[in-house]
Amino acid sequence: MVENAEKVLSYFGYWPDFCDAKIESFSYNKAGTIELCIFYIDSNLAKSADVNLRFNGVSEVALDNLFSENVIDEISFEGSGPFTVTIDGCYGLEGSFKSKSIEVVNFTAKDHIAEVRC
């Protein structure tokens, strides 16, 4: 489902739903690509990482509340292409869109939870 997900799966031992993750950056271009840089902490494992996701071939974009600080409750992917991507926000960015593909374009594990991100 998510291309290049192996590093995320290997590091955390599962694919996270990104609960309480911070969106460090968001970009959307008219060619139909959305990119998110997400800083995620698993406090139970004492692990954190930056996960950069790219959504290609996006359509039906219905996103609201992009603030200077954005915290996710959950990101979910449904379907098998096009995927329905839903961002449930704790604070800030939330909504949904369709995406033909989803990929991890960068993954950076953090040795310490307080490291500078993105």
PDB file of N, CA and C in Angstrom:
ATOM      1  N   MET A   1       0.817  -1.184   0.000  1.00  0.00           N
ATOM      2  CA  MET A   1       0.000   0.000   0.000  1.00  0.00           C
ATOM      3  C   MET A   1       0.872   1.263   0.000  1.00  0.00           C
ATOM      4  N   VAL A   2       1.782   1.391   0.962  1.00  0.00           N
ATOM      5  CA  VAL A   2       2.670   2.552   1.024  1.00  0.00           C
ATOM      6  C   VAL A   2       4.047   2.131   0.522  1.00  0.00           C
ATOM      7  N   GLU A   3       4.486   2.739  -0.584  1.00  0.00           N
ATOM      8  CA  GLU A   3       5.795   2.412  -1.139  1.00  0.00           C
ATOM      9  C   GLU A   3       6.906   2.870  -0.187  1.00  0.00           C
ATOM     10  N   ASN A   4       7.970   2.109  -0.122  1.00  0.00           N
ATOM     11  CA  ASN A   4       9.149   2.418   0.704  1.00  0.00           C
ATOM     12  C   ASN A   4       8.834   2.506   2.198  1.00  0.00           C
ATOM     13  N   ALA A   5       7.861   1.743   2.650  1.00  0.00           N
ATOM     14  CA  ALA A   5       7.450   1.767   4.060  1.00  0.00           C
ATOM     15  C   ALA A   5       8.363   0.934   4.955  1.00  0.00           C
ATOM     16  N   GLU A   6       9.300   0.205   4.378  1.00  0.00           N
ATOM     17  CA  GLU A   6      10.102  -0.751   5.137  1.00  0.00           C
ATOM     18  C   GLU A   6      10.860  -0.128   6.304  1.00  0.00           C
ATOM     19  N   LYS A   7      11.451   1.057   6.109  1.00  0.00           N
ATOM     20  CA  LYS A   7      12.221   1.683   7.186  1.00  0.00           C
ATOM     21  C   LYS A   7      11.333   2.047   8.373  1.00  0.00           C
ATOM     22  N   VAL A   8      10.151   2.551   8.083  1.00  0.00           N
ATOM     23  CA  VAL A   8       9.201   2.900   9.146  1.00  0.00           C
ATOM     24  C   VAL A   8       8.792   1.638   9.898  1.00  0.00           C
ATOM     25  N   LEU A   9       8.428   0.607   9.156  1.00  0.00           N
ATOM     26  CA  LEU A   9       8.010  -0.663   9.765  1.00  0.00           C
ATOM     27  C   LEU A   9       9.129  -1.289  10.583  1.00  0.00           C
ATOM     28  N   SER A  10      10.331  -1.250  10.064  1.00  0.00           N
ATOM     29  CA  SER A  10      11.475  -1.841  10.750  1.00  0.00           C
ATOM     30  C   SER A  10      11.797  -1.089  12.042  1.00  0.00           C
ATOM     31  N   TYR A  11      11.740   0.230  11.991  1.00  0.00           N
ATOM     32  CA  TYR A  11      12.118   1.044  13.147  1.00  0.00           C
ATOM     33  C   TYR A  11      11.084   0.955  14.278  1.00  0.00           C
ATOM     34  N   PHE A  12       9.811   1.154  13.935  1.00  0.00           N
ATOM     35  CA  PHE A  12       8.769   1.148  14.965  1.00  0.00           C
ATOM     36  C   PHE A  12       8.195  -0.248  15.222  1.00  0.00           C
ATOM     37  N   GLY A  13       8.316  -1.145  14.253  1.00  0.00           N
ATOM     38  CA  GLY A  13       7.729  -2.478  14.390  1.00  0.00           C
ATOM     39  C   GLY A  13       6.282  -2.537  13.947  1.00  0.00           C
ATOM     40  N   TYR A  14       5.773  -1.447  13.401  1.00  0.00           N
ATOM     41  CA  TYR A  14       4.387  -1.357  12.934  1.00  0.00           C
ATOM     42  C   TYR A  14       4.261  -0.091  12.084  1.00  0.00           C
ATOM     43  N   TRP A  15       3.157   0.022  11.349  1.00  0.00           N
ATOM     44  CA  TRP A  15       2.875   1.265  10.629  1.00  0.00           C
ATOM     45  C   TRP A  15       2.044   2.142  11.558  1.00  0.00           C
ATOM     46  N   PRO A  16       2.556   3.323  11.940  1.00  0.00           N
ATOM     47  CA  PRO A  16       1.833   4.166  12.895  1.00  0.00           C
ATOM     48  C   PRO A  16       0.606   4.840  12.283  1.00  0.00           C
ATOM     49  N   ASP A  17      -0.333   5.185  13.153  1.00  0.00           N
ATOM     50  CA  ASP A  17      -1.454   6.010  12.712  1.00  0.00           C
ATOM     51  C   ASP A  17      -1.149   7.491  12.931  1.00  0.00           C
ATOM     52  N   PHE A  18       0.056   7.757  13.465  1.00  0.00           N
ATOM     53  CA  PHE A  18       0.583   9.105  13.666  1.00  0.00           C
ATOM     54  C   PHE A  18      -0.223   9.920  14.692  1.00  0.00           C
ATOM     55  N   CYS A  19      -0.758   9.230  15.700  1.00  0.00           N
ATOM     56  CA  CYS A  19      -1.492   9.902  16.777  1.00  0.00           C
ATOM     57  C   CYS A  19      -0.569  10.879  17.505  1.00  0.00           C
ATOM     58  N   ASP A  20      -1.027  12.108  17.641  1.00  0.00           N
ATOM     59  CA  ASP A  20      -0.306  13.199  18.308  1.00  0.00           C
ATOM     60  C   ASP A  20       0.976  13.611  17.578  1.00  0.00           C
ATOM     61  N   ALA A  21       1.091  13.262  16.316  1.00  0.00           N
ATOM     62  CA  ALA A  21       2.253  13.663  15.518  1.00  0.00           C
ATOM     63  C   ALA A  21       2.085  15.115  15.067  1.00  0.00           C
ATOM     64  N   LYS A  22       3.209  15.767  14.904  1.00  0.00           N
ATOM     65  CA  LYS A  22       3.207  17.156  14.460  1.00  0.00           C
ATOM     66  C   LYS A  22       3.527  17.226  12.968  1.00  0.00           C
ATOM     67  N   ILE A  23       2.724  17.964  12.231  1.00  0.00           N
ATOM     68  CA  ILE A  23       3.024  18.215  10.823  1.00  0.00           C
ATOM     69  C   ILE A  23       4.030  19.350  10.788  1.00  0.00           C
ATOM     70  N   GLU A  24       5.255  19.025  10.396  1.00  0.00           N
ATOM     71  CA  GLU A  24       6.318  20.020  10.328  1.00  0.00           C
ATOM     72  C   GLU A  24       6.237  20.841   9.050  1.00  0.00           C
ATOM     73  N   SER A  25       5.788  20.213   7.965  1.00  0.00           N
ATOM     74  CA  SER A  25       5.602  20.964   6.722  1.00  0.00           C
ATOM     75  C   SER A  25       4.535  20.288   5.874  1.00  0.00           C
ATOM     76  N   PHE A  26       3.898  21.113   5.051  1.00  0.00           N
ATOM     77  CA  PHE A  26       2.836  20.670   4.154  1.00  0.00           C
ATOM     78  C   PHE A  26       3.037  21.396   2.837  1.00  0.00           C
ATOM     79  N   SER A  27       2.964  20.663   1.733  1.00  0.00           N
ATOM     80  CA  SER A  27       3.017  21.328   0.428  1.00  0.00           C
ATOM     81  C   SER A  27       2.055  20.648  -0.536  1.00  0.00           C
ATOM     82  N   TYR A  28       1.504  21.462  -1.406  1.00  0.00           N
ATOM     83  CA  TYR A  28       0.577  20.989  -2.430  1.00  0.00           C
ATOM     84  C   TYR A  28       0.926  21.717  -3.709  1.00  0.00           C
ATOM     85  N   ASN A  29       1.089  20.947  -4.795  1.00  0.00           N
ATOM     86  CA  ASN A  29       1.338  21.636  -6.058  1.00  0.00           C
ATOM     87  C   ASN A  29       0.255  21.288  -7.061  1.00  0.00           C
ATOM     88  N   LYS A  30       0.093  22.144  -8.026  1.00  0.00           N
ATOM     89  CA  LYS A  30      -1.006  21.982  -8.973  1.00  0.00           C
ATOM     90  C   LYS A  30      -0.855  20.763  -9.873  1.00  0.00           C
ATOM     91  N   ALA A  31       0.313  20.144  -9.855  1.00  0.00           N
ATOM     92  CA  ALA A  31       0.490  18.906 -10.623  1.00  0.00           C
ATOM     93  C   ALA A  31      -0.163  17.718  -9.915  1.00  0.00           C
ATOM     94  N   GLY A  32      -0.699  17.958  -8.716  1.00  0.00           N
ATOM     95  CA  GLY A  32      -1.421  16.900  -8.014  1.00  0.00           C
ATOM     96  C   GLY A  32      -0.582  16.116  -7.031  1.00  0.00           C
ATOM     97  N   THR A  33       0.310  16.794  -6.319  1.00  0.00           N
ATOM     98  CA  THR A  33       1.152  16.132  -5.326  1.00  0.00           C
ATOM     99  C   THR A  33       1.029  16.856  -3.990  1.00  0.00           C
ATOM    100  N   ILE A  34       0.816  16.092  -2.932  1.00  0.00           N
ATOM    101  CA  ILE A  34       0.836  16.617  -1.571  1.00  0.00           C
ATOM    102  C   ILE A  34       1.991  15.950  -0.851  1.00  0.00           C
ATOM    103  N   GLU A  35       2.768  16.747  -0.125  1.00  0.00           N
ATOM    104  CA  GLU A  35       3.852  16.204   0.700  1.00  0.00           C
ATOM    105  C   GLU A  35       3.671  16.663   2.136  1.00  0.00           C
ATOM    106  N   LEU A  36       3.862  15.732   3.055  1.00  0.00           N
ATOM    107  CA  LEU A  36       3.793  16.013   4.481  1.00  0.00           C
ATOM    108  C   LEU A  36       5.085  15.565   5.139  1.00  0.00           C
ATOM    109  N   CYS A  37       5.661  16.419   5.962  1.00  0.00           N
ATOM    110  CA  CYS A  37       6.763  16.027   6.837  1.00  0.00           C
ATOM    111  C   CYS A  37       6.155  15.918   8.222  1.00  0.00           C
ATOM    112  N   ILE A  38       6.185  14.728   8.785  1.00  0.00           N
ATOM    113  CA  ILE A  38       5.532  14.452  10.054  1.00  0.00           C
ATOM    114  C   ILE A  38       6.576  14.037  11.080  1.00  0.00           C
ATOM    115  N   PHE A  39       6.518  14.660  12.248  1.00  0.00           N
ATOM    116  CA  PHE A  39       7.384  14.256  13.356  1.00  0.00           C
ATOM    117  C   PHE A  39       6.536  13.412  14.301  1.00  0.00           C
ATOM    118  N   TYR A  40       6.932  12.148  14.456  1.00  0.00           N
ATOM    119  CA  TYR A  40       6.140  11.192  15.240  1.00  0.00           C
ATOM    120  C   TYR A  40       6.963  10.647  16.391  1.00  0.00           C
ATOM    121  N   ILE A  41       6.331  10.557  17.552  1.00  0.00           N
ATOM    122  CA  ILE A  41       6.956   9.982  18.742  1.00  0.00           C
ATOM    123  C   ILE A  41       6.133   8.802  19.219  1.00  0.00           C
ATOM    124  N   ASP A  42       6.799   7.687  19.450  1.00  0.00           N
ATOM    125  CA  ASP A  42       6.176   6.565  20.162  1.00  0.00           C
ATOM    126  C   ASP A  42       6.791   6.577  21.554  1.00  0.00           C
ATOM    127  N   SER A  43       6.077   7.140  22.509  1.00  0.00           N
ATOM    128  CA  SER A  43       6.629   7.290  23.857  1.00  0.00           C
ATOM    129  C   SER A  43       6.794   5.951  24.563  1.00  0.00           C
ATOM    130  N   ASN A  44       5.996   4.959  24.207  1.00  0.00           N
ATOM    131  CA  ASN A  44       6.150   3.627  24.813  1.00  0.00           C
ATOM    132  C   ASN A  44       7.465   2.973  24.416  1.00  0.00           C
ATOM    133  N   LEU A  45       7.893   3.218  23.182  1.00  0.00           N
ATOM    134  CA  LEU A  45       9.155   2.662  22.697  1.00  0.00           C
ATOM    135  C   LEU A  45      10.318   3.637  22.876  1.00  0.00           C
ATOM    136  N   ALA A  46      10.019   4.866  23.281  1.00  0.00           N
ATOM    137  CA  ALA A  46      11.021   5.930  23.390  1.00  0.00           C
ATOM    138  C   ALA A  46      11.758   6.119  22.068  1.00  0.00           C
ATOM    139  N   LYS A  47      10.975   6.136  20.986  1.00  0.00           N
ATOM    140  CA  LYS A  47      11.517   6.336  19.642  1.00  0.00           C
ATOM    141  C   LYS A  47      10.771   7.482  18.974  1.00  0.00           C
ATOM    142  N   SER A  48      11.496   8.202  18.129  1.00  0.00           N
ATOM    143  CA  SER A  48      10.871   9.261  17.354  1.00  0.00           C
ATOM    144  C   SER A  48      11.527   9.320  15.979  1.00  0.00           C
ATOM    145  N   ALA A  49      10.799   9.903  15.033  1.00  0.00           N
ATOM    146  CA  ALA A  49      11.318   9.979  13.670  1.00  0.00           C
ATOM    147  C   ALA A  49      10.575  11.030  12.866  1.00  0.00           C
ATOM    148  N   ASP A  50      11.257  11.532  11.842  1.00  0.00           N
ATOM    149  CA  ASP A  50      10.619  12.325  10.804  1.00  0.00           C
ATOM    150  C   ASP A  50      10.227  11.371   9.689  1.00  0.00           C
ATOM    151  N   VAL A  51       8.991  11.457   9.272  1.00  0.00           N
ATOM    152  CA  VAL A  51       8.501  10.634   8.170  1.00  0.00           C
ATOM    153  C   VAL A  51       7.940  11.581   7.116  1.00  0.00           C
ATOM    154  N   ASN A  52       8.549  11.564   5.945  1.00  0.00           N
ATOM    155  CA  ASN A  52       8.086  12.393   4.844  1.00  0.00           C
ATOM    156  C   ASN A  52       7.268  11.533   3.891  1.00  0.00           C
ATOM    157  N   LEU A  53       6.006  11.900   3.743  1.00  0.00           N
ATOM    158  CA  LEU A  53       5.094  11.166   2.875  1.00  0.00           C
ATOM    159  C   LEU A  53       4.764  12.002   1.651  1.00  0.00           C
ATOM    160  N   ARG A  54       4.725  11.340   0.493  1.00  0.00           N
ATOM    161  CA  ARG A  54       4.301  11.992  -0.747  1.00  0.00           C
ATOM    162  C   ARG A  54       3.074  11.260  -1.276  1.00  0.00           C
ATOM    163  N   PHE A  55       2.074  12.032  -1.596  1.00  0.00           N
ATOM    164  CA  PHE A  55       0.833  11.512  -2.168  1.00  0.00           C
ATOM    165  C   PHE A  55       0.773  12.005  -3.606  1.00  0.00           C
ATOM    166  N   ASN A  56       0.772  11.090  -4.554  1.00  0.00           N
ATOM    167  CA  ASN A  56       0.807  11.435  -5.978  1.00  0.00           C
ATOM    168  C   ASN A  56      -0.556  11.238  -6.619  1.00  0.00           C
ATOM    169  N   GLY A  57      -0.842  12.056  -7.623  1.00  0.00           N
ATOM    170  CA  GLY A  57      -2.098  11.945  -8.343  1.00  0.00           C
ATOM    171  C   GLY A  57      -3.286  12.272  -7.458  1.00  0.00           C
ATOM    172  N   VAL A  58      -3.169  13.347  -6.671  1.00  0.00           N
ATOM    173  CA  VAL A  58      -4.245  13.678  -5.739  1.00  0.00           C
ATOM    174  C   VAL A  58      -5.413  14.371  -6.446  1.00  0.00           C
ATOM    175  N   SER A  59      -6.580  14.127  -5.905  1.00  0.00           N
ATOM    176  CA  SER A  59      -7.803  14.751  -6.409  1.00  0.00           C
ATOM    177  C   SER A  59      -8.792  14.848  -5.250  1.00  0.00           C
ATOM    178  N   GLU A  60      -9.885  15.503  -5.500  1.00  0.00           N
ATOM    179  CA  GLU A  60     -10.950  15.656  -4.497  1.00  0.00           C
ATOM    180  C   GLU A  60     -10.396  16.134  -3.154  1.00  0.00           C
ATOM    181  N   VAL A  61      -9.535  17.134  -3.213  1.00  0.00           N
ATOM    182  CA  VAL A  61      -8.890  17.663  -2.013  1.00  0.00           C
ATOM    183  C   VAL A  61      -9.888  18.503  -1.219  1.00  0.00           C
ATOM    184  N   ALA A  62     -10.098  18.110   0.030  1.00  0.00           N
ATOM    185  CA  ALA A  62     -10.986  18.830   0.942  1.00  0.00           C
ATOM    186  C   ALA A  62     -10.273  18.940   2.290  1.00  0.00           C
ATOM    187  N   LEU A  63      -9.339  19.897   2.382  1.00  0.00           N
ATOM    188  CA  LEU A  63      -8.550  20.103   3.593  1.00  0.00           C
ATOM    189  C   LEU A  63      -8.872  21.469   4.185  1.00  0.00           C
ATOM    190  N   ASP A  64      -8.892  21.534   5.503  1.00  0.00           N
ATOM    191  CA  ASP A  64      -9.199  22.775   6.206  1.00  0.00           C
ATOM    192  C   ASP A  64      -8.222  22.993   7.348  1.00  0.00           C
ATOM    193  N   ASN A  65      -8.203  24.227   7.833  1.00  0.00           N
ATOM    194  CA  ASN A  65      -7.545  24.586   9.093  1.00  0.00           C
ATOM    195  C   ASN A  65      -6.035  24.381   9.110  1.00  0.00           C
ATOM    196  N   LEU A  66      -5.351  24.780   8.051  1.00  0.00           N
ATOM    197  CA  LEU A  66      -3.892  24.723   8.057  1.00  0.00           C
ATOM    198  C   LEU A  66      -3.382  25.910   8.867  1.00  0.00           C
ATOM    199  N   PHE A  67      -2.796  25.610  10.035  1.00  0.00           N
ATOM    200  CA  PHE A  67      -2.282  26.639  10.931  1.00  0.00           C
ATOM    201  C   PHE A  67      -0.763  26.575  10.961  1.00  0.00           C
ATOM    202  N   SER A  68      -0.166  27.453  11.724  1.00  0.00           N
ATOM    203  CA  SER A  68       1.293  27.412  11.871  1.00  0.00           C
ATOM    204  C   SER A  68       1.725  26.199  12.692  1.00  0.00           C
ATOM    205  N   GLU A  69       0.850  25.687  13.546  1.00  0.00           N
ATOM    206  CA  GLU A  69       1.077  24.448  14.297  1.00  0.00           C
ATOM    207  C   GLU A  69      -0.062  23.507  13.953  1.00  0.00           C
ATOM    208  N   ASN A  70       0.258  22.261  13.601  1.00  0.00           N
ATOM    209  CA  ASN A  70      -0.747  21.283  13.210  1.00  0.00           C
ATOM    210  C   ASN A  70      -0.402  19.947  13.844  1.00  0.00           C
ATOM    211  N   VAL A  71      -1.365  19.381  14.580  1.00  0.00           N
ATOM    212  CA  VAL A  71      -1.163  18.113  15.270  1.00  0.00           C
ATOM    213  C   VAL A  71      -2.238  17.136  14.815  1.00  0.00           C
ATOM    214  N   ILE A  72      -1.806  15.933  14.483  1.00  0.00           N
ATOM    215  CA  ILE A  72      -2.666  14.898  13.921  1.00  0.00           C
ATOM    216  C   ILE A  72      -3.223  13.999  15.022  1.00  0.00           C
ATOM    217  N   ASP A  73      -4.469  13.638  14.899  1.00  0.00           N
ATOM    218  CA  ASP A  73      -5.025  12.566  15.734  1.00  0.00           C
ATOM    219  C   ASP A  73      -4.775  11.232  15.043  1.00  0.00           C
ATOM    220  N   GLU A  74      -4.963  11.221  13.702  1.00  0.00           N
ATOM    221  CA  GLU A  74      -4.748   9.988  12.932  1.00  0.00           C
ATOM    222  C   GLU A  74      -4.730  10.300  11.441  1.00  0.00           C
ATOM    223  N   ILE A  75      -3.892   9.561  10.706  1.00  0.00           N
ATOM    224  CA  ILE A  75      -3.960   9.560   9.246  1.00  0.00           C
ATOM    225  C   ILE A  75      -4.340   8.146   8.841  1.00  0.00           C
ATOM    226  N   SER A  76      -5.376   8.028   8.025  1.00  0.00           N
ATOM    227  CA  SER A  76      -5.788   6.697   7.570  1.00  0.00           C
ATOM    228  C   SER A  76      -5.823   6.654   6.049  1.00  0.00           C
ATOM    229  N   PHE A  77      -5.549   5.462   5.523  1.00  0.00           N
ATOM    230  CA  PHE A  77      -5.573   5.207   4.079  1.00  0.00           C
ATOM    231  C   PHE A  77      -6.559   4.070   3.837  1.00  0.00           C
ATOM    232  N   GLU A  78      -7.526   4.308   2.967  1.00  0.00           N
ATOM    233  CA  GLU A  78      -8.495   3.270   2.634  1.00  0.00           C
ATOM    234  C   GLU A  78      -8.516   3.059   1.134  1.00  0.00           C
ATOM    235  N   GLY A  79      -8.786   1.813   0.727  1.00  0.00           N
ATOM    236  CA  GLY A  79      -8.859   1.480  -0.679  1.00  0.00           C
ATOM    237  C   GLY A  79      -7.559   0.893  -1.182  1.00  0.00           C
ATOM    238  N   SER A  80      -7.517   0.697  -2.495  1.00  0.00           N
ATOM    239  CA  SER A  80      -6.334   0.074  -3.101  1.00  0.00           C
ATOM    240  C   SER A  80      -5.830   0.862  -4.299  1.00  0.00           C
ATOM    241  N   GLY A  81      -6.145   2.093  -4.391  1.00  0.00           N
ATOM    242  CA  GLY A  81      -5.696   2.958  -5.468  1.00  0.00           C
ATOM    243  C   GLY A  81      -6.791   3.178  -6.490  1.00  0.00           C
ATOM    244  N   PRO A  82      -7.399   4.370  -6.511  1.00  0.00           N
ATOM    245  CA  PRO A  82      -6.960   5.466  -5.658  1.00  0.00           C
ATOM    246  C   PRO A  82      -7.346   5.237  -4.195  1.00  0.00           C
ATOM    247  N   PHE A  83      -6.480   5.731  -3.326  1.00  0.00           N
ATOM    248  CA  PHE A  83      -6.696   5.628  -1.894  1.00  0.00           C
ATOM    249  C   PHE A  83      -7.484   6.848  -1.420  1.00  0.00           C
ATOM    250  N   THR A  84      -8.293   6.660  -0.405  1.00  0.00           N
ATOM    251  CA  THR A  84      -8.886   7.793   0.288  1.00  0.00           C
ATOM    252  C   THR A  84      -8.021   8.046   1.510  1.00  0.00           C
ATOM    253  N   VAL A  85      -7.439   9.227   1.569  1.00  0.00           N
ATOM    254  CA  VAL A  85      -6.563   9.614   2.677  1.00  0.00           C
ATOM    255  C   VAL A  85      -7.358  10.558   3.566  1.00  0.00           C
ATOM    256  N   THR A  86      -7.434  10.217   4.846  1.00  0.00           N
ATOM    257  CA  THR A  86      -8.157  11.054   5.799  1.00  0.00           C
ATOM    258  C   THR A  86      -7.209  11.489   6.903  1.00  0.00           C
ATOM    259  N   ILE A  87      -7.157  12.779   7.140  1.00  0.00           N
ATOM    260  CA  ILE A  87      -6.359  13.340   8.229  1.00  0.00           C
ATOM    261  C   ILE A  87      -7.335  13.846   9.278  1.00  0.00           C
ATOM    262  N   ASP A  88      -7.349  13.175  10.431  1.00  0.00           N
ATOM    263  CA  ASP A  88      -8.138  13.635  11.567  1.00  0.00           C
ATOM    264  C   ASP A  88      -7.210  14.488  12.413  1.00  0.00           C
ATOM    265  N   GLY A  89      -7.552  15.736  12.554  1.00  0.00           N
ATOM    266  CA  GLY A  89      -6.673  16.648  13.263  1.00  0.00           C
ATOM    267  C   GLY A  89      -7.038  16.815  14.729  1.00  0.00           C
ATOM    268  N   CYS A  90      -6.024  16.873  15.575  1.00  0.00           N
ATOM    269  CA  CYS A  90      -6.222  17.304  16.966  1.00  0.00           C
ATOM    270  C   CYS A  90      -6.331  18.816  16.976  1.00  0.00           C
ATOM    271  N   TYR A  91      -5.422  19.429  16.208  1.00  0.00           N
ATOM    272  CA  TYR A  91      -5.365  20.877  16.103  1.00  0.00           C
ATOM    273  C   TYR A  91      -4.807  21.206  14.726  1.00  0.00           C
ATOM    274  N   GLY A  92      -5.546  21.980  13.973  1.00  0.00           N
ATOM    275  CA  GLY A  92      -5.048  22.391  12.675  1.00  0.00           C
ATOM    276  C   GLY A  92      -5.537  21.513  11.542  1.00  0.00           C
ATOM    277  N   LEU A  93      -4.626  21.201  10.639  1.00  0.00           N
ATOM    278  CA  LEU A  93      -4.959  20.549   9.378  1.00  0.00           C
ATOM    279  C   LEU A  93      -5.808  19.294   9.564  1.00  0.00           C
ATOM    280  N   GLU A  94      -6.876  19.228   8.779  1.00  0.00           N
ATOM    281  CA  GLU A  94      -7.745  18.052   8.779  1.00  0.00           C
ATOM    282  C   GLU A  94      -8.488  17.992   7.455  1.00  0.00           C
ATOM    283  N   GLY A  95      -9.007  16.818   7.142  1.00  0.00           N
ATOM    284  CA  GLY A  95      -9.777  16.654   5.919  1.00  0.00           C
ATOM    285  C   GLY A  95      -9.402  15.388   5.191  1.00  0.00           C
ATOM    286  N   SER A  96      -9.676  15.378   3.891  1.00  0.00           N
ATOM    287  CA  SER A  96      -9.429  14.170   3.108  1.00  0.00           C
ATOM    288  C   SER A  96      -9.113  14.521   1.661  1.00  0.00           C
ATOM    289  N   PHE A  97      -8.592  13.516   0.957  1.00  0.00           N
ATOM    290  CA  PHE A  97      -8.336  13.626  -0.477  1.00  0.00           C
ATOM    291  C   PHE A  97      -8.126  12.225  -1.031  1.00  0.00           C
ATOM    292  N   LYS A  98      -8.161  12.107  -2.329  1.00  0.00           N
ATOM    293  CA  LYS A  98      -7.863  10.853  -3.028  1.00  0.00           C
ATOM    294  C   LYS A  98      -6.420  10.921  -3.516  1.00  0.00           C
ATOM    295  N   SER A  99      -5.757   9.768  -3.536  1.00  0.00           N
ATOM    296  CA  SER A  99      -4.375   9.711  -4.004  1.00  0.00           C
ATOM    297  C   SER A  99      -4.165   8.407  -4.768  1.00  0.00           C
ATOM    298  N   LYS A 100      -3.528   8.512  -5.938  1.00  0.00           N
ATOM    299  CA  LYS A 100      -3.238   7.315  -6.734  1.00  0.00           C
ATOM    300  C   LYS A 100      -2.136   6.474  -6.115  1.00  0.00           C
ATOM    301  N   SER A 101      -1.183   7.122  -5.424  1.00  0.00           N
ATOM    302  CA  SER A 101      -0.113   6.378  -4.760  1.00  0.00           C
ATOM    303  C   SER A 101       0.375   7.147  -3.540  1.00  0.00           C
ATOM    304  N   ILE A 102       0.952   6.380  -2.611  1.00  0.00           N
ATOM    305  CA  ILE A 102       1.490   6.933  -1.370  1.00  0.00           C
ATOM    306  C   ILE A 102       2.897   6.377  -1.215  1.00  0.00           C
ATOM    307  N   GLU A 103       3.850   7.250  -0.887  1.00  0.00           N
ATOM    308  CA  GLU A 103       5.208   6.759  -0.696  1.00  0.00           C
ATOM    309  C   GLU A 103       5.921   7.496   0.428  1.00  0.00           C
ATOM    310  N   VAL A 104       6.808   6.768   1.090  1.00  0.00           N
ATOM    311  CA  VAL A 104       7.719   7.379   2.050  1.00  0.00           C
ATOM    312  C   VAL A 104       8.911   7.863   1.234  1.00  0.00           C
ATOM    313  N   VAL A 105       9.130   9.181   1.203  1.00  0.00           N
ATOM    314  CA  VAL A 105      10.239   9.723   0.419  1.00  0.00           C
ATOM    315  C   VAL A 105      11.467   9.971   1.271  1.00  0.00           C
ATOM    316  N   ASN A 106      11.274  10.051   2.582  1.00  0.00           N
ATOM    317  CA  ASN A 106      12.412  10.199   3.487  1.00  0.00           C
ATOM    318  C   ASN A 106      11.993   9.730   4.867  1.00  0.00           C
ATOM    319  N   PHE A 107      12.919   9.076   5.546  1.00  0.00           N
ATOM    320  CA  PHE A 107      12.690   8.622   6.915  1.00  0.00           C
ATOM    321  C   PHE A 107      13.962   8.868   7.701  1.00  0.00           C
ATOM    322  N   THR A 108      13.832   9.591   8.815  1.00  0.00           N
ATOM    323  CA  THR A 108      14.992   9.874   9.648  1.00  0.00           C
ATOM    324  C   THR A 108      14.656   9.535  11.091  1.00  0.00           C
ATOM    325  N   ALA A 109      15.264   8.458  11.584  1.00  0.00           N
ATOM    326  CA  ALA A 109      15.095   8.093  12.990  1.00  0.00           C
ATOM    327  C   ALA A 109      15.863   9.078  13.842  1.00  0.00           C
ATOM    328  N   LYS A 110      15.313   9.396  14.993  1.00  0.00           N
ATOM    329  CA  LYS A 110      15.948  10.332  15.922  1.00  0.00           C
ATOM    330  C   LYS A 110      16.476   9.547  17.118  1.00  0.00           C
ATOM    331  N   ASP A 111      17.708   9.853  17.512  1.00  0.00           N
ATOM    332  CA  ASP A 111      18.298   9.195  18.677  1.00  0.00           C
ATOM    333  C   ASP A 111      17.705   9.720  19.971  1.00  0.00           C
ATOM    334  N   HIS A 112      17.230  10.924  19.919  1.00  0.00           N
ATOM    335  CA  HIS A 112      16.681  11.540  21.115  1.00  0.00           C
ATOM    336  C   HIS A 112      15.400  12.257  20.740  1.00  0.00           C
ATOM    337  N   ILE A 113      14.381  12.136  21.541  1.00  0.00           N
ATOM    338  CA  ILE A 113      13.074  12.690  21.229  1.00  0.00           C
ATOM    339  C   ILE A 113      13.116  14.203  21.032  1.00  0.00           C
ATOM    340  N   ALA A 114      13.998  14.907  21.690  1.00  0.00           N
ATOM    341  CA  ALA A 114      14.024  16.367  21.614  1.00  0.00           C
ATOM    342  C   ALA A 114      14.851  16.916  20.463  1.00  0.00           C
ATOM    343  N   GLU A 115      15.383  16.075  19.586  1.00  0.00           N
ATOM    344  CA  GLU A 115      16.185  16.577  18.465  1.00  0.00           C
ATOM    345  C   GLU A 115      15.392  17.497  17.566  1.00  0.00           C
ATOM    346  N   VAL A 116      16.085  18.380  16.892  1.00  0.00           N
ATOM    347  CA  VAL A 116      15.466  19.270  15.922  1.00  0.00           C
ATOM    348  C   VAL A 116      14.952  18.430  14.755  1.00  0.00           C
ATOM    349  N   ARG A 117      13.792  18.799  14.238  1.00  0.00           N
ATOM    350  CA  ARG A 117      13.137  18.004  13.206  1.00  0.00           C
ATOM    351  C   ARG A 117      13.149  18.731  11.864  1.00  0.00           C
ATOM    352  N   CYS A 118      12.937  17.979  10.812  1.00  0.00           N
ATOM    353  CA  CYS A 118      12.783  18.451   9.434  1.00  0.00           C
ATOM    354  C   CYS A 118      13.702  19.609   9.138  1.00  0.00           C
TER     355      CYS A 118
END
